[in-house]
Amino acid sequence: MLIMKDYVAYLDNKKRITLRGATYQYYNVKEYGNGCIILKPRELSVSKSISSRTLADMDRAVSDFKRGDVSSAIDLSDFSKE
């Protein structure tokens, strides 16, 4: 495997390590008993579709709302700013 960077990292006062020039924002970290640490980049992505179960729940909620089958109003006056 080709070495792309070689530098010494250290823990700061809050026990954090900084990765210089990191290409990803999120990493999966695996720490082994022998001291090795493996970082695998993670890219968080938005789901491209909504599951059929979620769509069915949304349809049921809208039909309940249209029929007037809703809960009573919630009193939020305790949370008002004074």
PDB file of N, CA and C in Angstrom:
ATOM      1  N   MET A   1       0.845  -1.173   0.000  1.00  0.00           N
ATOM      2  CA  MET A   1       0.000   0.000   0.000  1.00  0.00           C
ATOM      3  C   MET A   1       0.895   1.243   0.000  1.00  0.00           C
ATOM      4  N   LEU A   2       0.530   2.225  -0.803  1.00  0.00           N
ATOM      5  CA  LEU A   2       1.315   3.439  -0.965  1.00  0.00           C
ATOM      6  C   LEU A   2       1.070   4.397   0.200  1.00  0.00           C
ATOM      7  N   ILE A   3       2.126   4.941   0.792  1.00  0.00           N
ATOM      8  CA  ILE A   3       2.005   5.908   1.886  1.00  0.00           C
ATOM      9  C   ILE A   3       1.757   7.277   1.289  1.00  0.00           C
ATOM     10  N   MET A   4       0.625   7.899   1.631  1.00  0.00           N
ATOM     11  CA  MET A   4       0.274   9.215   1.106  1.00  0.00           C
ATOM     12  C   MET A   4       0.807  10.331   2.005  1.00  0.00           C
ATOM     13  N   LYS A   5       0.744  10.140   3.327  1.00  0.00           N
ATOM     14  CA  LYS A   5       1.243  11.129   4.285  1.00  0.00           C
ATOM     15  C   LYS A   5       1.938  10.392   5.413  1.00  0.00           C
ATOM     16  N   ASP A   6       2.922  11.027   5.979  1.00  0.00           N
ATOM     17  CA  ASP A   6       3.628  10.450   7.120  1.00  0.00           C
ATOM     18  C   ASP A   6       3.953  11.589   8.072  1.00  0.00           C
ATOM     19  N   TYR A   7       3.247  11.648   9.190  1.00  0.00           N
ATOM     20  CA  TYR A   7       3.497  12.699  10.174  1.00  0.00           C
ATOM     21  C   TYR A   7       3.145  12.190  11.572  1.00  0.00           C
ATOM     22  N   VAL A   8       3.584  12.915  12.579  1.00  0.00           N
ATOM     23  CA  VAL A   8       3.318  12.552  13.970  1.00  0.00           C
ATOM     24  C   VAL A   8       2.109  13.339  14.451  1.00  0.00           C
ATOM     25  N   ALA A   9       1.136  12.650  14.988  1.00  0.00           N
ATOM     26  CA  ALA A   9      -0.037  13.291  15.573  1.00  0.00           C
ATOM     27  C   ALA A   9       0.055  13.135  17.086  1.00  0.00           C
ATOM     28  N   TYR A  10      -0.553  14.061  17.807  1.00  0.00           N
ATOM     29  CA  TYR A  10      -0.495  13.999  19.269  1.00  0.00           C
ATOM     30  C   TYR A  10      -1.872  14.325  19.843  1.00  0.00           C
ATOM     31  N   LEU A  11      -2.085  13.916  21.080  1.00  0.00           N
ATOM     32  CA  LEU A  11      -3.330  14.225  21.780  1.00  0.00           C
ATOM     33  C   LEU A  11      -3.251  15.629  22.359  1.00  0.00           C
ATOM     34  N   ASP A  12      -4.335  16.394  22.186  1.00  0.00           N
ATOM     35  CA  ASP A  12      -4.367  17.717  22.822  1.00  0.00           C
ATOM     36  C   ASP A  12      -4.901  17.558  24.254  1.00  0.00           C
ATOM     37  N   ASN A  13      -5.155  18.665  24.932  1.00  0.00           N
ATOM     38  CA  ASN A  13      -5.596  18.611  26.329  1.00  0.00           C
ATOM     39  C   ASN A  13      -6.939  17.907  26.513  1.00  0.00           C
ATOM     40  N   LYS A  14      -7.756  17.889  25.460  1.00  0.00           N
ATOM     41  CA  LYS A  14      -9.066  17.230  25.536  1.00  0.00           C
ATOM     42  C   LYS A  14      -9.022  15.833  24.930  1.00  0.00           C
ATOM     43  N   LYS A  15      -7.829  15.292  24.777  1.00  0.00           N
ATOM     44  CA  LYS A  15      -7.587  13.943  24.255  1.00  0.00           C
ATOM     45  C   LYS A  15      -8.126  13.757  22.841  1.00  0.00           C
ATOM     46  N   ARG A  16      -7.889  14.768  21.972  1.00  0.00           N
ATOM     47  CA  ARG A  16      -8.299  14.709  20.573  1.00  0.00           C
ATOM     48  C   ARG A  16      -7.070  14.665  19.680  1.00  0.00           C
ATOM     49  N   ILE A  17      -7.231  14.041  18.530  1.00  0.00           N
ATOM     50  CA  ILE A  17      -6.174  14.014  17.517  1.00  0.00           C
ATOM     51  C   ILE A  17      -6.707  14.735  16.291  1.00  0.00           C
ATOM     52  N   THR A  18      -5.876  15.558  15.674  1.00  0.00           N
ATOM     53  CA  THR A  18      -6.267  16.265  14.463  1.00  0.00           C
ATOM     54  C   THR A  18      -5.658  15.572  13.254  1.00  0.00           C
ATOM     55  N   LEU A  19      -6.474  15.299  12.249  1.00  0.00           N
ATOM     56  CA  LEU A  19      -5.992  14.737  10.995  1.00  0.00           C
ATOM     57  C   LEU A  19      -5.735  15.890  10.036  1.00  0.00           C
ATOM     58  N   ARG A  20      -4.528  16.011   9.577  1.00  0.00           N
ATOM     59  CA  ARG A  20      -4.176  17.117   8.673  1.00  0.00           C
ATOM     60  C   ARG A  20      -4.704  16.837   7.265  1.00  0.00           C
ATOM     61  N   GLY A  21      -5.376  17.814   6.706  1.00  0.00           N
ATOM     62  CA  GLY A  21      -5.864  17.696   5.333  1.00  0.00           C
ATOM     63  C   GLY A  21      -6.836  16.556   5.124  1.00  0.00           C
ATOM     64  N   ALA A  22      -7.652  16.260   6.122  1.00  0.00           N
ATOM     65  CA  ALA A  22      -8.606  15.155   6.011  1.00  0.00           C
ATOM     66  C   ALA A  22      -9.591  15.411   4.873  1.00  0.00           C
ATOM     67  N   THR A  23      -9.833  14.398   4.078  1.00  0.00           N
ATOM     68  CA  THR A  23     -10.720  14.546   2.923  1.00  0.00           C
ATOM     69  C   THR A  23     -12.176  14.301   3.280  1.00  0.00           C
ATOM     70  N   TYR A  24     -12.439  13.617   4.357  1.00  0.00           N
ATOM     71  CA  TYR A  24     -13.808  13.294   4.759  1.00  0.00           C
ATOM     72  C   TYR A  24     -14.104  13.932   6.108  1.00  0.00           C
ATOM     73  N   GLN A  25     -15.380  14.151   6.378  1.00  0.00           N
ATOM     74  CA  GLN A  25     -15.775  14.742   7.655  1.00  0.00           C
ATOM     75  C   GLN A  25     -15.996  13.669   8.715  1.00  0.00           C
ATOM     76  N   TYR A  26     -16.427  12.473   8.307  1.00  0.00           N
ATOM     77  CA  TYR A  26     -16.739  11.400   9.251  1.00  0.00           C
ATOM     78  C   TYR A  26     -15.888  10.170   8.952  1.00  0.00           C
ATOM     79  N   TYR A  27     -15.446   9.517  10.026  1.00  0.00           N
ATOM     80  CA  TYR A  27     -14.646   8.307   9.904  1.00  0.00           C
ATOM     81  C   TYR A  27     -15.166   7.248  10.869  1.00  0.00           C
ATOM     82  N   ASN A  28     -15.132   6.007  10.439  1.00  0.00           N
ATOM     83  CA  ASN A  28     -15.400   4.881  11.329  1.00  0.00           C
ATOM     84  C   ASN A  28     -14.051   4.505  11.935  1.00  0.00           C
ATOM     85  N   VAL A  29     -13.993   4.421  13.258  1.00  0.00           N
ATOM     86  CA  VAL A  29     -12.728   4.175  13.953  1.00  0.00           C
ATOM     87  C   VAL A  29     -12.752   2.787  14.579  1.00  0.00           C
ATOM     88  N   LYS A  30     -11.698   2.009  14.340  1.00  0.00           N
ATOM     89  CA  LYS A  30     -11.514   0.717  14.995  1.00  0.00           C
ATOM     90  C   LYS A  30     -10.169   0.763  15.703  1.00  0.00           C
ATOM     91  N   GLU A  31     -10.199   0.539  17.014  1.00  0.00           N
ATOM     92  CA  GLU A  31      -8.969   0.562  17.803  1.00  0.00           C
ATOM     93  C   GLU A  31      -8.705  -0.850  18.305  1.00  0.00           C
ATOM     94  N   TYR A  32      -7.511  -1.349  18.068  1.00  0.00           N
ATOM     95  CA  TYR A  32      -7.149  -2.705  18.437  1.00  0.00           C
ATOM     96  C   TYR A  32      -6.281  -2.712  19.684  1.00  0.00           C
ATOM     97  N   GLY A  33      -6.232  -3.841  20.350  1.00  0.00           N
ATOM     98  CA  GLY A  33      -5.473  -4.004  21.588  1.00  0.00           C
ATOM     99  C   GLY A  33      -3.989  -3.775  21.424  1.00  0.00           C
ATOM    100  N   ASN A  34      -3.468  -3.975  20.212  1.00  0.00           N
ATOM    101  CA  ASN A  34      -2.031  -3.799  19.991  1.00  0.00           C
ATOM    102  C   ASN A  34      -1.658  -2.349  19.687  1.00  0.00           C
ATOM    103  N   GLY A  35      -2.651  -1.425  19.759  1.00  0.00           N
ATOM    104  CA  GLY A  35      -2.372  -0.010  19.546  1.00  0.00           C
ATOM    105  C   GLY A  35      -2.693   0.492  18.148  1.00  0.00           C
ATOM    106  N   CYS A  36      -2.998  -0.407  17.229  1.00  0.00           N
ATOM    107  CA  CYS A  36      -3.339   0.011  15.866  1.00  0.00           C
ATOM    108  C   CYS A  36      -4.726   0.650  15.844  1.00  0.00           C
ATOM    109  N   ILE A  37      -4.851   1.708  15.068  1.00  0.00           N
ATOM    110  CA  ILE A  37      -6.126   2.385  14.874  1.00  0.00           C
ATOM    111  C   ILE A  37      -6.395   2.435  13.377  1.00  0.00           C
ATOM    112  N   ILE A  38      -7.559   1.953  12.971  1.00  0.00           N
ATOM    113  CA  ILE A  38      -7.953   1.957  11.560  1.00  0.00           C
ATOM    114  C   ILE A  38      -9.071   2.976  11.384  1.00  0.00           C
ATOM    115  N   LEU A  39      -8.891   3.909  10.456  1.00  0.00           N
ATOM    116  CA  LEU A  39      -9.914   4.905  10.120  1.00  0.00           C
ATOM    117  C   LEU A  39     -10.442   4.589   8.734  1.00  0.00           C
ATOM    118  N   LYS A  40     -11.765   4.433   8.622  1.00  0.00           N
ATOM    119  CA  LYS A  40     -12.388   4.234   7.321  1.00  0.00           C
ATOM    120  C   LYS A  40     -13.317   5.406   7.068  1.00  0.00           C
ATOM    121  N   PRO A  41     -13.157   6.095   5.941  1.00  0.00           N
ATOM    122  CA  PRO A  41     -14.004   7.249   5.669  1.00  0.00           C
ATOM    123  C   PRO A  41     -15.465   6.861   5.512  1.00  0.00           C
ATOM    124  N   ARG A  42     -16.338   7.719   6.018  1.00  0.00           N
ATOM    125  CA  ARG A  42     -17.790   7.528   5.913  1.00  0.00           C
ATOM    126  C   ARG A  42     -18.377   8.760   5.265  1.00  0.00           C
ATOM    127  N   GLU A  43     -19.223   8.550   4.282  1.00  0.00           N
ATOM    128  CA  GLU A  43     -19.944   9.650   3.665  1.00  0.00           C
ATOM    129  C   GLU A  43     -21.412   9.489   4.004  1.00  0.00           C
ATOM    130  N   LEU A  44     -21.968  10.467   4.704  1.00  0.00           N
ATOM    131  CA  LEU A  44     -23.382  10.425   5.038  1.00  0.00           C
ATOM    132  C   LEU A  44     -24.156  10.929   3.834  1.00  0.00           C
ATOM    133  N   SER A  45     -25.204  10.227   3.483  1.00  0.00           N
ATOM    134  CA  SER A  45     -25.977  10.634   2.309  1.00  0.00           C
ATOM    135  C   SER A  45     -27.465  10.597   2.626  1.00  0.00           C
ATOM    136  N   VAL A  46     -28.195  11.368   1.874  1.00  0.00           N
ATOM    137  CA  VAL A  46     -29.643  11.417   2.020  1.00  0.00           C
ATOM    138  C   VAL A  46     -30.232  10.249   1.244  1.00  0.00           C
ATOM    139  N   SER A  47     -31.185   9.590   1.853  1.00  0.00           N
ATOM    140  CA  SER A  47     -31.835   8.473   1.193  1.00  0.00           C
ATOM    141  C   SER A  47     -32.519   8.950  -0.085  1.00  0.00           C
ATOM    142  N   LYS A  48     -32.405   8.179  -1.144  1.00  0.00           N
ATOM    143  CA  LYS A  48     -32.976   8.575  -2.425  1.00  0.00           C
ATOM    144  C   LYS A  48     -34.463   8.291  -2.506  1.00  0.00           C
ATOM    145  N   SER A  49     -34.984   7.471  -1.612  1.00  0.00           N
ATOM    146  CA  SER A  49     -36.408   7.155  -1.672  1.00  0.00           C
ATOM    147  C   SER A  49     -36.970   6.995  -0.265  1.00  0.00           C
ATOM    148  N   ILE A  50     -38.285   7.062  -0.182  1.00  0.00           N
ATOM    149  CA  ILE A  50     -38.988   6.866   1.082  1.00  0.00           C
ATOM    150  C   ILE A  50     -39.570   5.460   1.051  1.00  0.00           C
ATOM    151  N   SER A  51     -39.431   4.727   2.132  1.00  0.00           N
ATOM    152  CA  SER A  51     -39.902   3.349   2.154  1.00  0.00           C
ATOM    153  C   SER A  51     -41.424   3.289   2.008  1.00  0.00           C
ATOM    154  N   SER A  52     -41.903   2.175   1.512  1.00  0.00           N
ATOM    155  CA  SER A  52     -43.349   2.001   1.320  1.00  0.00           C
ATOM    156  C   SER A  52     -44.080   2.037   2.657  1.00  0.00           C
ATOM    157  N   ARG A  53     -43.449   1.547   3.704  1.00  0.00           N
ATOM    158  CA  ARG A  53     -44.060   1.567   5.029  1.00  0.00           C
ATOM    159  C   ARG A  53     -44.252   3.001   5.523  1.00  0.00           C
ATOM    160  N   THR A  54     -43.242   3.842   5.303  1.00  0.00           N
ATOM    161  CA  THR A  54     -43.337   5.247   5.704  1.00  0.00           C
ATOM    162  C   THR A  54     -44.412   5.963   4.905  1.00  0.00           C
ATOM    163  N   LEU A  55     -44.478   5.692   3.596  1.00  0.00           N
ATOM    164  CA  LEU A  55     -45.511   6.297   2.765  1.00  0.00           C
ATOM    165  C   LEU A  55     -46.906   5.882   3.226  1.00  0.00           C
ATOM    166  N   ALA A  56     -47.068   4.617   3.596  1.00  0.00           N
ATOM    167  CA  ALA A  56     -48.363   4.134   4.086  1.00  0.00           C
ATOM    168  C   ALA A  56     -48.738   4.839   5.385  1.00  0.00           C
ATOM    169  N   ASP A  57     -47.768   5.023   6.289  1.00  0.00           N
ATOM    170  CA  ASP A  57     -48.021   5.740   7.546  1.00  0.00           C
ATOM    171  C   ASP A  57     -48.428   7.184   7.284  1.00  0.00           C
ATOM    172  N   MET A  58     -47.771   7.823   6.314  1.00  0.00           N
ATOM    173  CA  MET A  58     -48.107   9.205   5.975  1.00  0.00           C
ATOM    174  C   MET A  58     -49.517   9.284   5.385  1.00  0.00           C
ATOM    175  N   ASP A  59     -49.871   8.353   4.502  1.00  0.00           N
ATOM    176  CA  ASP A  59     -51.213   8.325   3.918  1.00  0.00           C
ATOM    177  C   ASP A  59     -52.279   8.144   4.990  1.00  0.00           C
ATOM    178  N   ARG A  60     -52.015   7.260   5.943  1.00  0.00           N
ATOM    179  CA  ARG A  60     -52.963   7.011   7.036  1.00  0.00           C
ATOM    180  C   ARG A  60     -53.119   8.258   7.904  1.00  0.00           C
ATOM    181  N   ALA A  61     -52.018   8.952   8.182  1.00  0.00           N
ATOM    182  CA  ALA A  61     -52.064  10.165   9.005  1.00  0.00           C
ATOM    183  C   ALA A  61     -52.869  11.260   8.311  1.00  0.00           C
ATOM    184  N   VAL A  62     -52.681  11.422   7.003  1.00  0.00           N
ATOM    185  CA  VAL A  62     -53.412  12.452   6.258  1.00  0.00           C
ATOM    186  C   VAL A  62     -54.899  12.117   6.207  1.00  0.00           C
ATOM    187  N   SER A  63     -55.232  10.848   5.974  1.00  0.00           N
ATOM    188  CA  SER A  63     -56.656  10.477   5.928  1.00  0.00           C
ATOM    189  C   SER A  63     -57.309  10.654   7.292  1.00  0.00           C
ATOM    190  N   ASP A  64     -56.596  10.338   8.374  1.00  0.00           N
ATOM    191  CA  ASP A  64     -57.125  10.570   9.724  1.00  0.00           C
ATOM    192  C   ASP A  64     -57.364  12.059   9.949  1.00  0.00           C
ATOM    193  N   PHE A  65     -56.442  12.888   9.505  1.00  0.00           N
ATOM    194  CA  PHE A  65     -56.571  14.333   9.665  1.00  0.00           C
ATOM    195  C   PHE A  65     -57.774  14.865   8.894  1.00  0.00           C
ATOM    196  N   LYS A  66     -57.954  14.397   7.664  1.00  0.00           N
ATOM    197  CA  LYS A  66     -59.079  14.847   6.841  1.00  0.00           C
ATOM    198  C   LYS A  66     -60.419  14.429   7.437  1.00  0.00           C
ATOM    199  N   ARG A  67     -60.479  13.263   8.102  1.00  0.00           N
ATOM    200  CA  ARG A  67     -61.705  12.800   8.758  1.00  0.00           C
ATOM    201  C   ARG A  67     -61.952  13.516  10.083  1.00  0.00           C
ATOM    202  N   GLY A  68     -60.959  14.236  10.564  1.00  0.00           N
ATOM    203  CA  GLY A  68     -61.086  14.922  11.842  1.00  0.00           C
ATOM    204  C   GLY A  68     -60.707  14.048  13.020  1.00  0.00           C
ATOM    205  N   ASP A  69     -60.105  12.899  12.744  1.00  0.00           N
ATOM    206  CA  ASP A  69     -59.681  11.973  13.797  1.00  0.00           C
ATOM    207  C   ASP A  69     -58.301  12.412  14.286  1.00  0.00           C
ATOM    208  N   VAL A  70     -58.292  13.458  15.123  1.00  0.00           N
ATOM    209  CA  VAL A  70     -57.037  14.029  15.610  1.00  0.00           C
ATOM    210  C   VAL A  70     -57.080  14.127  17.130  1.00  0.00           C
ATOM    211  N   SER A  71     -55.936  14.293  17.723  1.00  0.00           N
ATOM    212  CA  SER A  71     -55.875  14.445  19.174  1.00  0.00           C
ATOM    213  C   SER A  71     -56.273  15.865  19.559  1.00  0.00           C
ATOM    214  N   SER A  72     -56.526  16.066  20.822  1.00  0.00           N
ATOM    215  CA  SER A  72     -56.884  17.405  21.292  1.00  0.00           C
ATOM    216  C   SER A  72     -55.659  18.316  21.213  1.00  0.00           C
ATOM    217  N   ALA A  73     -55.926  19.605  21.203  1.00  0.00           N
ATOM    218  CA  ALA A  73     -54.838  20.588  21.098  1.00  0.00           C
ATOM    219  C   ALA A  73     -53.934  20.506  22.329  1.00  0.00           C
ATOM    220  N   ILE A  74     -52.669  20.755  22.111  1.00  0.00           N
ATOM    221  CA  ILE A  74     -51.685  20.714  23.187  1.00  0.00           C
ATOM    222  C   ILE A  74     -51.473  22.132  23.689  1.00  0.00           C
ATOM    223  N   ASP A  75     -51.551  22.308  25.007  1.00  0.00           N
ATOM    224  CA  ASP A  75     -51.357  23.622  25.617  1.00  0.00           C
ATOM    225  C   ASP A  75     -49.857  23.881  25.793  1.00  0.00           C
ATOM    226  N   LEU A  76     -49.341  24.828  25.034  1.00  0.00           N
ATOM    227  CA  LEU A  76     -47.914  25.160  25.071  1.00  0.00           C
ATOM    228  C   LEU A  76     -47.654  26.470  25.821  1.00  0.00           C
ATOM    229  N   SER A  77     -48.647  26.962  26.532  1.00  0.00           N
ATOM    230  CA  SER A  77     -48.504  28.246  27.206  1.00  0.00           C
ATOM    231  C   SER A  77     -47.409  28.218  28.289  1.00  0.00           C
ATOM    232  N   ASP A  78     -47.134  27.056  28.830  1.00  0.00           N
ATOM    233  CA  ASP A  78     -46.071  26.952  29.845  1.00  0.00           C
ATOM    234  C   ASP A  78     -44.697  27.259  29.253  1.00  0.00           C
ATOM    235  N   PHE A  79     -44.556  27.161  27.949  1.00  0.00           N
ATOM    236  CA  PHE A  79     -43.269  27.348  27.297  1.00  0.00           C
ATOM    237  C   PHE A  79     -43.106  28.747  26.704  1.00  0.00           C
ATOM    238  N   SER A  80     -44.075  29.621  26.907  1.00  0.00           N
ATOM    239  CA  SER A  80     -43.971  30.950  26.309  1.00  0.00           C
ATOM    240  C   SER A  80     -42.870  31.758  27.001  1.00  0.00           C
ATOM    241  N   LYS A  81     -42.244  32.638  26.214  1.00  0.00           N
ATOM    242  CA  LYS A  81     -41.170  33.473  26.750  1.00  0.00           C
ATOM    243  C   LYS A  81     -41.774  34.659  27.477  1.00  0.00           C
ATOM    244  N   GLU A  82     -41.204  34.999  28.574  1.00  0.00           N
ATOM    245  CA  GLU A  82     -41.707  36.137  29.338  1.00  0.00           C
ATOM    246  C   GLU A  82     -40.770  37.292  29.255  1.00  0.00           C
TER     247      GLU A  82
END
